[in-house]
Protein backbone atom coordinates (compact mmCIF):
# COMPACT_ATOMS: atom_id res chain seq x y z
CA MET A 1 -21.78 -3.92 -35.27
CA PRO A 2 -18.93 -3.54 -32.73
CA SER A 3 -18.31 -0.01 -31.53
CA GLU A 4 -14.99 1.80 -31.91
CA SER A 5 -14.39 1.17 -28.20
CA ALA A 6 -15.03 -2.52 -28.67
CA HIS A 7 -12.53 -2.56 -31.53
CA SER A 8 -9.98 -0.95 -29.17
CA GLU A 9 -10.56 -3.68 -26.61
CA GLY A 10 -10.41 -6.32 -29.34
CA ALA A 11 -7.08 -4.89 -30.44
CA GLU A 12 -5.69 -5.57 -26.97
CA LEU A 13 -6.88 -9.17 -27.21
CA GLY A 14 -5.25 -9.41 -30.65
CA ARG A 15 -1.97 -7.95 -29.40
CA TYR A 16 -1.84 -10.54 -26.65
CA LEU A 17 -2.51 -13.43 -29.03
CA ARG A 18 0.14 -12.18 -31.44
CA ALA A 19 2.72 -11.86 -28.64
CA ARG A 20 2.05 -15.36 -27.42
CA ARG A 21 2.09 -16.75 -30.99
CA THR A 22 5.37 -15.13 -31.99
CA GLN A 23 7.04 -16.32 -28.79
CA THR A 24 5.91 -19.95 -29.11
CA SER A 25 8.39 -22.08 -31.03
CA PRO A 26 7.06 -24.76 -33.40
CA ASP A 27 9.02 -27.53 -31.68
CA HIS A 28 7.50 -26.52 -28.33
CA VAL A 29 4.05 -27.45 -29.64
CA GLY A 30 5.19 -30.56 -31.51
CA LEU A 31 5.48 -29.19 -35.05
CA THR A 32 8.26 -30.36 -37.32
CA VAL A 33 10.19 -27.46 -38.81
CA GLY A 34 11.73 -27.76 -42.25
CA THR A 35 15.25 -26.74 -43.18
CA GLY A 36 14.22 -23.50 -44.87
CA ILE A 37 14.49 -20.07 -43.27
CA ARG A 38 11.36 -19.05 -41.34
CA ARG A 39 10.64 -15.35 -41.68
CA THR A 40 7.96 -15.49 -38.97
CA PRO A 41 9.18 -15.63 -35.38
CA GLY A 42 7.40 -18.35 -33.44
CA LEU A 43 4.29 -19.89 -34.97
CA ARG A 44 2.69 -18.80 -38.21
CA ARG A 45 -0.97 -17.75 -38.04
CA GLU A 46 -2.07 -20.74 -40.09
CA GLU A 47 -0.13 -23.10 -37.82
CA LEU A 48 -1.82 -21.77 -34.71
CA ALA A 49 -5.25 -21.83 -36.36
CA THR A 50 -4.73 -25.46 -37.34
CA LEU A 51 -3.55 -26.42 -33.84
CA ALA A 52 -6.60 -24.70 -32.32
CA GLY A 53 -9.04 -26.17 -34.82
CA ILE A 54 -10.32 -22.82 -36.15
CA SER A 55 -10.21 -21.25 -39.58
CA ILE A 56 -7.27 -19.07 -40.54
CA ASP A 57 -9.67 -16.25 -41.53
CA TYR A 58 -11.30 -16.30 -38.11
CA TYR A 59 -7.95 -16.28 -36.33
CA VAL A 60 -6.71 -13.36 -38.45
CA ARG A 61 -9.83 -11.41 -37.48
CA LEU A 62 -9.12 -12.13 -33.82
CA GLU A 63 -5.51 -11.00 -34.05
CA ARG A 64 -6.46 -7.83 -35.93
CA GLY A 65 -9.08 -6.91 -33.34
CA LYS A 66 -12.02 -7.26 -35.73
CA GLU A 67 -13.54 -10.23 -33.92
CA THR A 68 -14.42 -9.36 -30.31
CA ARG A 69 -16.65 -12.25 -29.21
CA PRO A 70 -14.72 -15.53 -29.37
CA SER A 71 -16.49 -18.36 -27.62
CA PRO A 72 -15.07 -19.95 -24.45
CA ALA A 73 -14.34 -23.06 -26.49
CA VAL A 74 -12.23 -21.07 -28.96
CA LEU A 75 -10.34 -19.37 -26.13
CA ASP A 76 -9.65 -22.70 -24.47
CA ALA A 77 -8.47 -24.19 -27.76
CA LEU A 78 -6.08 -21.28 -28.36
CA ALA A 79 -4.76 -21.53 -24.81
CA ARG A 80 -4.10 -25.25 -25.25
CA ALA A 81 -2.45 -24.72 -28.63
CA LEU A 82 -0.14 -22.06 -27.18
CA HIS A 83 0.57 -24.12 -24.03
CA MET A 84 -0.55 -21.23 -21.82
CA ASP A 85 -0.25 -21.62 -18.08
CA ASP A 86 -3.23 -20.93 -15.81
CA GLN A 87 -2.39 -17.25 -15.34
CA GLN A 88 -1.92 -16.62 -19.06
CA HIS A 89 -5.14 -18.51 -19.83
CA GLN A 90 -7.08 -16.43 -17.30
CA HIS A 91 -5.68 -13.22 -18.76
CA LEU A 92 -6.85 -14.32 -22.20
CA ARG A 93 -10.36 -14.90 -20.82
CA GLU A 94 -10.36 -11.48 -19.13
CA LEU A 95 -9.31 -9.69 -22.32
CA ALA A 96 -12.01 -11.48 -24.31
CA ALA A 97 -14.69 -10.74 -21.72
CA ARG A 98 -13.76 -7.07 -21.70
CA ALA A 99 -13.77 -6.89 -25.50
CA ALA A 100 -17.23 -8.45 -25.61
CA ARG A 101 -18.90 -6.19 -23.06
CA TYR A 102 -16.99 -2.93 -23.35
CA VAL A 103 -19.05 0.21 -23.99
CA GLY A 104 -18.40 3.84 -23.19
CA GLU A 105 -15.49 5.35 -21.29
CA PRO A 106 -13.09 3.29 -19.16
CA PRO A 107 -13.89 3.24 -15.43
CA PRO A 108 -12.01 5.70 -13.23
CA ALA A 109 -8.80 4.62 -11.54
CA PRO A 110 -9.22 3.11 -8.08
CA SER A 111 -8.96 5.46 -5.13
CA ARG A 112 -5.47 6.36 -3.93
CA THR A 113 -6.67 7.12 -0.43
CA VAL A 114 -5.08 4.90 2.22
CA ARG A 115 -7.37 4.43 5.19
CA PRO A 116 -6.00 5.54 8.59
CA HIS A 117 -6.07 2.09 10.14
CA LEU A 118 -3.79 0.83 7.36
CA LYS A 119 -1.22 3.48 8.24
CA LEU A 120 -1.41 2.31 11.86
CA LEU A 121 -0.93 -1.25 10.63
CA LEU A 122 2.23 -0.25 8.77
CA GLU A 123 3.64 1.31 11.94
CA SER A 124 2.76 -1.77 13.98
CA LEU A 125 4.78 -3.93 11.59
CA ARG A 126 8.07 -2.18 12.41
CA PRO A 127 10.92 -3.03 12.25
CA ASN A 128 9.66 -4.97 9.22
CA PRO A 129 9.63 -2.72 6.15
CA ALA A 130 6.07 -2.32 4.87
CA TYR A 131 4.18 -0.14 2.42
CA VAL A 132 0.93 0.23 0.47
CA ILE A 133 1.11 0.51 -3.32
CA SER A 134 -1.47 1.16 -6.03
CA ARG A 135 -2.21 -1.07 -9.02
CA SER A 136 0.32 0.98 -11.02
CA MET A 137 2.90 0.55 -8.22
CA ASP A 138 2.73 4.09 -6.84
CA LEU A 139 3.93 4.15 -3.24
CA LEU A 140 0.88 5.43 -1.33
CA ALA A 141 1.94 4.90 2.29
CA TRP A 142 4.88 3.35 4.13
CA ASN A 143 6.63 2.93 7.44
CA SER A 144 10.20 4.15 7.89
CA GLY A 145 11.83 0.91 6.82
CA GLY A 146 9.44 0.50 3.89
CA LEU A 147 10.84 3.64 2.31
CA ALA A 148 14.45 3.25 3.46
CA LEU A 149 14.73 -0.30 2.10
CA PHE A 150 14.67 1.07 -1.47
CA ALA A 151 17.90 3.00 -1.25
CA GLY A 152 17.65 6.49 -2.73
CA LEU A 153 13.88 6.42 -3.25
CA ASP A 154 13.48 9.11 -0.59
CA ASP A 155 15.47 11.44 -2.88
CA TRP A 156 12.42 11.68 -5.12
CA PRO A 157 9.35 13.80 -4.28
CA ALA A 158 6.59 11.76 -2.62
CA LYS A 159 4.25 11.94 -5.64
CA HIS A 160 7.01 10.64 -7.90
CA ARG A 161 7.71 7.53 -5.83
CA ASN A 162 6.69 4.51 -7.85
CA LEU A 163 8.39 1.12 -7.59
CA ALA A 164 8.36 0.44 -11.34
CA ARG A 165 9.86 3.87 -11.97
CA TYR A 166 12.43 3.15 -9.27
CA PHE A 167 13.45 -0.23 -10.70
CA PHE A 168 14.04 1.10 -14.20
CA LEU A 169 15.08 4.72 -13.71
CA HIS A 170 16.77 5.12 -10.32
CA PRO A 171 20.58 4.72 -10.53
CA ALA A 172 20.70 2.82 -7.21
CA ALA A 173 18.15 0.14 -8.10
CA ARG A 174 20.30 -2.17 -10.23
CA GLU A 175 23.01 -2.35 -7.56
CA LEU A 176 20.44 -2.85 -4.79
CA PHE A 177 19.00 -5.89 -6.61
CA ALA A 178 22.26 -7.13 -8.14
CA ASP A 179 21.48 -10.78 -7.32
CA ASN A 180 17.95 -10.92 -8.80
CA TRP A 181 17.70 -7.94 -11.13
CA ASP A 182 16.32 -9.79 -14.16
CA ARG A 183 13.62 -11.62 -12.20
CA GLN A 184 12.69 -8.42 -10.38
CA ILE A 185 12.12 -6.31 -13.50
CA THR A 186 10.47 -9.16 -15.44
CA ALA A 187 7.92 -9.66 -12.67
CA CYS A 188 7.37 -5.90 -12.42
CA VAL A 189 6.55 -5.55 -16.14
CA ALA A 190 4.39 -8.68 -16.10
CA ARG A 191 2.29 -7.21 -13.29
CA LEU A 192 1.82 -3.91 -15.14
CA ARG A 193 1.04 -5.77 -18.39
CA ALA A 194 -1.64 -7.86 -16.69
CA VAL A 195 -3.33 -4.78 -15.23
CA ALA A 196 -2.99 -2.70 -18.41
CA GLY A 197 -4.48 -5.51 -20.48
CA THR A 198 -7.83 -5.14 -18.72
CA ALA A 199 -7.63 -1.34 -18.30
CA PRO A 200 -5.63 -0.22 -21.36
CA ASP A 201 -6.82 3.40 -21.33
CA ALA A 202 -6.50 4.06 -17.58
CA PRO A 203 -4.49 7.28 -17.11
CA ASP A 204 -2.57 6.01 -14.06
CA LEU A 205 -1.18 3.18 -16.19
CA THR A 206 -0.79 4.85 -19.58
CA ASN A 207 1.16 7.79 -18.17
CA LEU A 208 3.60 5.53 -16.32
CA VAL A 209 4.02 3.10 -19.21
CA GLY A 210 4.53 5.95 -21.67
CA GLU A 211 7.25 7.45 -19.47
CA LEU A 212 9.07 4.13 -19.04
CA LEU A 213 8.83 3.23 -22.73
CA LEU A 214 10.47 6.55 -23.54
CA LYS A 215 13.18 6.46 -20.89
CA SER A 216 14.09 2.78 -20.42
CA PRO A 217 15.12 0.40 -23.24
CA ASP A 218 15.00 -2.46 -20.69
CA PHE A 219 11.36 -1.70 -19.97
CA ALA A 220 10.50 -1.29 -23.66
CA GLY A 221 11.97 -4.69 -24.50
CA LEU A 222 10.08 -6.47 -21.73
CA TRP A 223 6.84 -4.60 -22.48
CA GLU A 224 6.94 -5.76 -26.09
CA ARG A 225 7.02 -9.40 -24.96
CA TYR A 226 3.55 -9.07 -23.33
CA GLU A 227 4.27 -11.52 -20.52
CA VAL A 228 1.65 -11.57 -17.76
CA THR A 229 3.38 -14.17 -15.62
CA GLY A 230 6.62 -13.59 -13.83
CA ARG A 231 6.89 -14.22 -10.14
CA LYS A 232 9.27 -12.24 -8.03
CA PRO A 233 11.44 -14.37 -5.76
CA ILE A 234 9.98 -14.73 -2.26
CA ASP A 235 13.44 -14.40 -0.73
CA LYS A 236 15.23 -11.30 -1.96
CA THR A 237 18.77 -10.16 -1.35
CA PHE A 238 19.38 -6.42 -1.06
CA HIS A 239 22.84 -4.89 -1.29
CA HIS A 240 21.96 -1.90 0.84
CA PRO A 241 24.39 1.01 1.24
CA GLN A 242 23.36 1.62 4.89
CA VAL A 243 23.03 -1.89 6.36
CA GLY A 244 25.00 -4.09 3.96
CA THR A 245 23.80 -7.29 2.29
CA ILE A 246 20.49 -8.47 3.69
CA THR A 247 18.16 -11.31 2.62
CA LEU A 248 14.47 -10.89 3.41
CA THR A 249 11.25 -12.78 2.77
CA SER A 250 8.58 -10.79 0.94
CA GLN A 251 4.80 -11.03 1.12
CA SER A 252 2.18 -9.15 -0.88
CA LEU A 253 -1.42 -8.86 0.34
CA HIS A 254 -4.48 -7.38 -1.35
CA VAL A 255 -6.22 -4.68 0.71
CA GLU A 256 -9.85 -5.60 1.30
CA GLY A 257 -12.25 -2.83 0.30
CA SER A 258 -9.59 -0.86 -1.63
CA PRO A 259 -9.42 -2.26 -5.18
CA GLY A 260 -5.95 -2.18 -6.68
CA GLN A 261 -4.13 -1.53 -3.40
CA ARG A 262 -1.68 -4.04 -1.99
CA ILE A 263 0.44 -4.19 1.17
CA GLY A 264 4.06 -5.30 0.76
CA VAL A 265 5.95 -6.58 3.80
CA TYR A 266 9.53 -7.82 4.24
CA THR A 267 10.53 -10.00 7.19
CA ALA A 268 13.52 -11.83 8.65
CA GLU A 269 13.79 -14.47 11.36
CA PRO A 270 14.40 -12.83 14.77
CA GLY A 271 17.90 -13.41 16.11
CA THR A 272 19.50 -13.62 12.65
CA PRO A 273 21.95 -11.11 11.16
CA ASP A 274 19.26 -10.18 8.62
CA HIS A 275 16.86 -9.27 11.43
CA ASP A 276 19.59 -7.24 13.13
CA ALA A 277 20.03 -5.36 9.85
CA LEU A 278 16.27 -4.67 9.77
CA LEU A 279 16.49 -3.18 13.26
CA LEU A 280 19.38 -0.99 12.15
CA LEU A 281 17.51 0.10 9.03
CA ASP A 282 14.43 0.99 11.06
CA MET A 283 16.41 2.93 13.66
CA SER A 284 18.47 4.85 11.12
CA ALA A 285 15.55 5.84 8.89
CA PRO A 286 14.01 9.31 9.36
CA ARG A 287 11.20 9.25 11.92
CA SER A 288 9.07 11.97 10.32
CA VAL A 289 7.56 10.05 7.43
CA ARG A 290 5.45 12.10 5.03
CA HIS A 291 2.92 10.47 2.73
CA PRO A 292 1.84 11.92 -0.63
CA THR A 293 -1.32 13.98 -0.79
CA GLN A 294 -4.04 11.48 -1.58
CA ALA A 295 -7.04 12.24 -3.72
CA THR A 296 -9.99 9.93 -4.13
């Protein structure tokens, strides 16, 4: 019989299926909708079960978290019926795998320690803004431009600096990203949703999500949608109070040997006004950069 923990993991799988079902319109999957009023947003449970070729009772058990071991064939059928893209399909598989094998307490959060050679790497990337963030988007290390690029972030204590928190709660963020605000925050929430789906009880994620749900209606609305895809634009325009409008190319890299950590770098073509603005940003930023105390 599934354990209480397994039921918890199955509930996450069910929440994801329900979100995808209620956001999939009947006409998108080729169903003819009658003229009557539909009280159910998106697809009805019986419609999805029929499209996937499974019984309605079995699907209801999946969505309610009571069935935690769907076969790969069932998962594939549901993904096809919901027209999931590759990333959504993979997330569905990961949720199901976790529900099937989960026992005991969740694993501890990945280490927040940034290795010394990575800090040297950040400095070597100047004048390009660069930083290291955790899976929950805490800013763990940065060079001068990497902090200064996010206008006003240095006003917050080092341990409070988190890019998701900045996007939704800092008064300067919306103006900084005026040209791509919606895409920026949608991609941010999608990334957190994808991580939280496979580590729903991790304190580093639950504390942040709980704070943002309480303080930001924008975050709460996006969180409820349970999107796990949402790519940030590669080229981003910043309306920066110190260096003016600047368009940069972004790149995110996973840190080998440090699960959950990623390096973010912004670049501009040398000789362009954008690169000149990067030089100005780097020169005007405080030289004594302090990093948060890091515990393993």
